[in-house]
Amino acid sequence: MIFVTVSTGHFDPLIEECDRLFRRDPNRFPFFGQVGSGFYIPKFPHQKVMAPEELDRYMSEAELVISHGGTGMLSRLYRLKKKTLVIPKQIRYGEANDGQVELAVKWAQLGMGTLCMDVRELETKIEECRRLPFSFPQFPKLGESLQKSLN
């Protein structure tokens, strides 16, 4: 299963492209998604929203996860050490700003996922994500360096 999530927001262009791939070849693109509050209703199995525990379970069981580039979702995926294709929400897809782009680019630079900046490249990027190894660097715990400086 390929789990696709847009969180509780909307990202219809991504959901539409996933649905196009699913309809063409459901065995190659076995999507299950959390499709949020968008208007497009895909043919692949999905839910609008999920409880955090359910979301973690689906992401853990997935072959790979396709996610928007929000900090909360990427933090979850880091904690799960999950192979991820990150496609940031952008102005050209109806967002108010390109605020997810910088984090998504950094995520890929660190080797924690595959970056996809254009939904039209999704098929190619899925295949790339399937074959690439990923690494999840260790980061200091929040406040750890501050704590050491106070001692």
C-alpha atoms as a PDB file:
ATOM      1  CA  MET A   1       0.000   0.000   0.000  1.00  0.00           C
ATOM      2  CA  ILE A   2       1.124   3.527  -0.777  1.00  0.00           C
ATOM      3  CA  PHE A   3      -0.281   5.865   1.842  1.00  0.00           C
ATOM      4  CA  VAL A   4      -0.986   9.412   0.668  1.00  0.00           C
ATOM      5  CA  THR A   5      -1.787  12.153   3.145  1.00  0.00           C
ATOM      6  CA  VAL A   6      -2.624  15.819   2.829  1.00  0.00           C
ATOM      7  CA  SER A   7      -3.495  16.077   6.529  1.00  0.00           C
ATOM      8  CA  THR A   8      -6.795  17.823   7.313  1.00  0.00           C
ATOM      9  CA  GLY A   9      -6.296  20.519   4.678  1.00  0.00           C
ATOM     10  CA  HIS A  10      -6.744  20.223   0.940  1.00  0.00           C
ATOM     11  CA  PHE A  11      -4.447  19.309  -1.932  1.00  0.00           C
ATOM     12  CA  ASP A  12      -6.770  18.256  -4.743  1.00  0.00           C
ATOM     13  CA  PRO A  13      -4.123  18.291  -7.517  1.00  0.00           C
ATOM     14  CA  LEU A  14      -2.141  15.622  -5.633  1.00  0.00           C
ATOM     15  CA  ILE A  15      -5.222  13.506  -4.893  1.00  0.00           C
ATOM     16  CA  GLU A  16      -6.363  13.787  -8.539  1.00  0.00           C
ATOM     17  CA  GLU A  17      -2.968  12.621  -9.826  1.00  0.00           C
ATOM     18  CA  CYS A  18      -2.891   9.714  -7.374  1.00  0.00           C
ATOM     19  CA  ASP A  19      -6.380   8.763  -8.520  1.00  0.00           C
ATOM     20  CA  ARG A  20      -5.328   8.909 -12.187  1.00  0.00           C
ATOM     21  CA  LEU A  21      -2.426   6.530 -11.471  1.00  0.00           C
ATOM     22  CA  PHE A  22      -4.635   4.251  -9.366  1.00  0.00           C
ATOM     23  CA  ARG A  23      -7.280   3.993 -12.096  1.00  0.00           C
ATOM     24  CA  ARG A  24      -4.613   3.178 -14.666  1.00  0.00           C
ATOM     25  CA  ASP A  25      -2.888   0.477 -12.597  1.00  0.00           C
ATOM     26  CA  PRO A  26      -4.191  -0.244  -9.079  1.00  0.00           C
ATOM     27  CA  ASN A  27      -1.662  -3.050  -8.573  1.00  0.00           C
ATOM     28  CA  ARG A  28       1.291  -0.762  -9.258  1.00  0.00           C
ATOM     29  CA  PHE A  29      -0.258   2.195  -7.398  1.00  0.00           C
ATOM     30  CA  PRO A  30      -2.258   0.704  -4.501  1.00  0.00           C
ATOM     31  CA  PHE A  31      -3.148   3.979  -2.803  1.00  0.00           C
ATOM     32  CA  PHE A  32      -4.935   4.472   0.467  1.00  0.00           C
ATOM     33  CA  GLY A  33      -5.303   8.048   1.563  1.00  0.00           C
ATOM     34  CA  GLN A  34      -6.163  10.663   4.082  1.00  0.00           C
ATOM     35  CA  VAL A  35      -7.612  13.179   1.624  1.00  0.00           C
ATOM     36  CA  GLY A  36      -8.510  16.004   3.986  1.00  0.00           C
ATOM     37  CA  SER A  37     -11.033  18.727   3.192  1.00  0.00           C
ATOM     38  CA  GLY A  38     -10.597  18.904  -0.577  1.00  0.00           C
ATOM     39  CA  PHE A  39     -13.456  18.689  -3.056  1.00  0.00           C
ATOM     40  CA  TYR A  40     -12.109  15.872  -5.240  1.00  0.00           C
ATOM     41  CA  ILE A  41     -13.336  12.389  -4.296  1.00  0.00           C
ATOM     42  CA  PRO A  42     -10.924   9.671  -5.461  1.00  0.00           C
ATOM     43  CA  LYS A  43     -11.810   6.114  -6.444  1.00  0.00           C
ATOM     44  CA  PHE A  44      -8.990   4.676  -4.316  1.00  0.00           C
ATOM     45  CA  PRO A  45      -9.817   3.786  -0.695  1.00  0.00           C
ATOM     46  CA  HIS A  46      -9.597   6.826   1.557  1.00  0.00           C
ATOM     47  CA  GLN A  47     -10.785   8.691   4.615  1.00  0.00           C
ATOM     48  CA  LYS A  48     -11.182  12.435   5.023  1.00  0.00           C
ATOM     49  CA  VAL A  49      -9.428  12.562   8.411  1.00  0.00           C
ATOM     50  CA  MET A  50      -7.917  10.065  10.841  1.00  0.00           C
ATOM     51  CA  ALA A  51      -7.080   9.937  14.495  1.00  0.00           C
ATOM     52  CA  PRO A  52      -3.321  10.258  15.134  1.00  0.00           C
ATOM     53  CA  GLU A  53      -2.985   6.584  16.177  1.00  0.00           C
ATOM     54  CA  GLU A  54      -4.751   5.409  13.019  1.00  0.00           C
ATOM     55  CA  LEU A  55      -2.608   7.695  10.873  1.00  0.00           C
ATOM     56  CA  ASP A  56       0.571   6.289  12.445  1.00  0.00           C
ATOM     57  CA  ARG A  57      -0.646   2.717  11.891  1.00  0.00           C
ATOM     58  CA  TYR A  58      -1.330   3.274   8.189  1.00  0.00           C
ATOM     59  CA  MET A  59       1.971   5.075   7.688  1.00  0.00           C
ATOM     60  CA  SER A  60       3.875   2.305   9.498  1.00  0.00           C
ATOM     61  CA  GLU A  61       2.258  -0.398   7.356  1.00  0.00           C
ATOM     62  CA  ALA A  62       2.757   1.420   4.039  1.00  0.00           C
ATOM     63  CA  GLU A  63       5.440   0.592   1.496  1.00  0.00           C
ATOM     64  CA  LEU A  64       6.000   4.343   1.265  1.00  0.00           C
ATOM     65  CA  VAL A  65       4.194   7.533   2.195  1.00  0.00           C
ATOM     66  CA  ILE A  66       3.378  10.461  -0.071  1.00  0.00           C
ATOM     67  CA  SER A  67       2.965  13.543   2.066  1.00  0.00           C
ATOM     68  CA  HIS A  68       2.601  17.278   1.820  1.00  0.00           C
ATOM     69  CA  GLY A  69       5.506  19.165   3.382  1.00  0.00           C
ATOM     70  CA  GLY A  70       3.960  20.281   6.654  1.00  0.00           C
ATOM     71  CA  THR A  71       6.182  20.266   9.731  1.00  0.00           C
ATOM     72  CA  GLY A  72       3.803  18.182  11.829  1.00  0.00           C
ATOM     73  CA  MET A  73       3.479  15.427   9.255  1.00  0.00           C
ATOM     74  CA  LEU A  74       7.193  15.341   8.441  1.00  0.00           C
ATOM     75  CA  SER A  75       7.957  15.140  12.166  1.00  0.00           C
ATOM     76  CA  ARG A  76       5.676  12.086  12.425  1.00  0.00           C
ATOM     77  CA  LEU A  77       7.350  10.473   9.435  1.00  0.00           C
ATOM     78  CA  TYR A  78      10.803  11.138  10.881  1.00  0.00           C
ATOM     79  CA  ARG A  79       9.765   9.500  14.153  1.00  0.00           C
ATOM     80  CA  LEU A  80       8.470   6.466  12.197  1.00  0.00           C
ATOM     81  CA  LYS A  81      11.633   6.402   9.974  1.00  0.00           C
ATOM     82  CA  LYS A  82       9.339   6.017   6.972  1.00  0.00           C
ATOM     83  CA  LYS A  83      10.305   6.099   3.305  1.00  0.00           C
ATOM     84  CA  THR A  84       8.616   9.287   2.092  1.00  0.00           C
ATOM     85  CA  LEU A  85       7.910  11.162  -1.095  1.00  0.00           C
ATOM     86  CA  VAL A  86       7.400  14.803  -0.114  1.00  0.00           C
ATOM     87  CA  ILE A  87       5.360  17.093  -2.351  1.00  0.00           C
ATOM     88  CA  PRO A  88       4.966  20.518  -0.762  1.00  0.00           C
ATOM     89  CA  LYS A  89       1.773  22.488  -1.113  1.00  0.00           C
ATOM     90  CA  GLN A  90       2.443  25.544  -3.262  1.00  0.00           C
ATOM     91  CA  ILE A  91       0.798  28.725  -4.543  1.00  0.00           C
ATOM     92  CA  ARG A  92       0.337  27.137  -7.967  1.00  0.00           C
ATOM     93  CA  TYR A  93      -1.849  24.483  -6.297  1.00  0.00           C
ATOM     94  CA  GLY A  94      -4.093  27.004  -4.566  1.00  0.00           C
ATOM     95  CA  GLU A  95      -2.123  27.620  -1.384  1.00  0.00           C
ATOM     96  CA  ALA A  96      -1.671  31.084   0.100  1.00  0.00           C
ATOM     97  CA  ASN A  97       2.139  30.745   0.033  1.00  0.00           C
ATOM     98  CA  ASP A  98       5.044  28.414  -0.713  1.00  0.00           C
ATOM     99  CA  GLY A  99       5.845  27.935   2.965  1.00  0.00           C
ATOM    100  CA  GLN A 100       6.348  24.146   2.744  1.00  0.00           C
ATOM    101  CA  VAL A 101       8.912  24.262  -0.060  1.00  0.00           C
ATOM    102  CA  GLU A 102      12.027  25.047   1.973  1.00  0.00           C
ATOM    103  CA  LEU A 103      11.403  22.250   4.495  1.00  0.00           C
ATOM    104  CA  ALA A 104      10.614  19.736   1.730  1.00  0.00           C
ATOM    105  CA  VAL A 105      13.840  20.607  -0.098  1.00  0.00           C
ATOM    106  CA  LYS A 106      15.868  20.236   3.117  1.00  0.00           C
ATOM    107  CA  TRP A 107      14.149  16.913   3.881  1.00  0.00           C
ATOM    108  CA  ALA A 108      15.357  15.555   0.522  1.00  0.00           C
ATOM    109  CA  GLN A 109      18.845  17.061   0.914  1.00  0.00           C
ATOM    110  CA  LEU A 110      19.221  15.210   4.219  1.00  0.00           C
ATOM    111  CA  GLY A 111      18.321  11.936   2.471  1.00  0.00           C
ATOM    112  CA  MET A 112      15.113  11.414   4.431  1.00  0.00           C
ATOM    113  CA  GLY A 113      12.840  11.392   1.394  1.00  0.00           C
ATOM    114  CA  THR A 114      12.311  12.014  -2.282  1.00  0.00           C
ATOM    115  CA  LEU A 115      11.267  15.506  -3.350  1.00  0.00           C
ATOM    116  CA  CYS A 116       8.506  16.040  -5.902  1.00  0.00           C
ATOM    117  CA  MET A 117       7.798  19.665  -6.807  1.00  0.00           C
ATOM    118  CA  ASP A 118       5.265  18.956  -9.569  1.00  0.00           C
ATOM    119  CA  VAL A 119       2.308  16.543  -9.394  1.00  0.00           C
ATOM    120  CA  ARG A 120       2.884  15.712 -13.070  1.00  0.00           C
ATOM    121  CA  GLU A 121       6.155  14.017 -12.007  1.00  0.00           C
ATOM    122  CA  LEU A 122       4.480  11.860  -9.374  1.00  0.00           C
ATOM    123  CA  GLU A 123       4.765   8.531 -11.216  1.00  0.00           C
ATOM    124  CA  THR A 124       8.493   8.988 -11.863  1.00  0.00           C
ATOM    125  CA  LYS A 125       9.097  10.146  -8.296  1.00  0.00           C
ATOM    126  CA  ILE A 126       7.224   7.156  -6.829  1.00  0.00           C
ATOM    127  CA  GLU A 127       9.530   4.806  -8.726  1.00  0.00           C
ATOM    128  CA  GLU A 128      12.554   6.811  -7.570  1.00  0.00           C
ATOM    129  CA  CYS A 129      11.343   6.670  -3.972  1.00  0.00           C
ATOM    130  CA  ARG A 130      10.818   2.904  -4.213  1.00  0.00           C
ATOM    131  CA  ARG A 131      14.410   2.220  -5.244  1.00  0.00           C
ATOM    132  CA  LEU A 132      16.395   4.760  -3.202  1.00  0.00           C
ATOM    133  CA  PRO A 133      17.772   4.028   0.258  1.00  0.00           C
ATOM    134  CA  PHE A 134      16.955   6.561   2.940  1.00  0.00           C
ATOM    135  CA  SER A 135      18.818   7.695   6.019  1.00  0.00           C
ATOM    136  CA  PHE A 136      17.466   9.331   9.106  1.00  0.00           C
ATOM    137  CA  PRO A 137      20.156  11.366  10.861  1.00  0.00           C
ATOM    138  CA  GLN A 138      20.038  11.738  14.611  1.00  0.00           C
ATOM    139  CA  PHE A 139      19.278  15.240  15.803  1.00  0.00           C
ATOM    140  CA  PRO A 140      19.816  16.515  19.338  1.00  0.00           C
ATOM    141  CA  LYS A 141      16.700  16.540  21.449  1.00  0.00           C
ATOM    142  CA  LEU A 142      15.038  19.906  21.698  1.00  0.00           C
ATOM    143  CA  GLY A 143      16.675  21.885  24.457  1.00  0.00           C
ATOM    144  CA  GLU A 144      19.567  19.427  24.898  1.00  0.00           C
ATOM    145  CA  SER A 145      22.242  21.974  23.948  1.00  0.00           C
ATOM    146  CA  LEU A 146      20.540  24.614  26.109  1.00  0.00           C
ATOM    147  CA  GLN A 147      20.491  22.216  29.047  1.00  0.00           C
ATOM    148  CA  LYS A 148      24.237  21.527  28.661  1.00  0.00           C
ATOM    149  CA  SER A 149      25.006  25.250  28.556  1.00  0.00           C
ATOM    150  CA  LEU A 150      23.084  25.807  31.799  1.00  0.00           C
ATOM    151  CA  ASN A 151      25.039  23.114  33.694  1.00  0.00           C
END
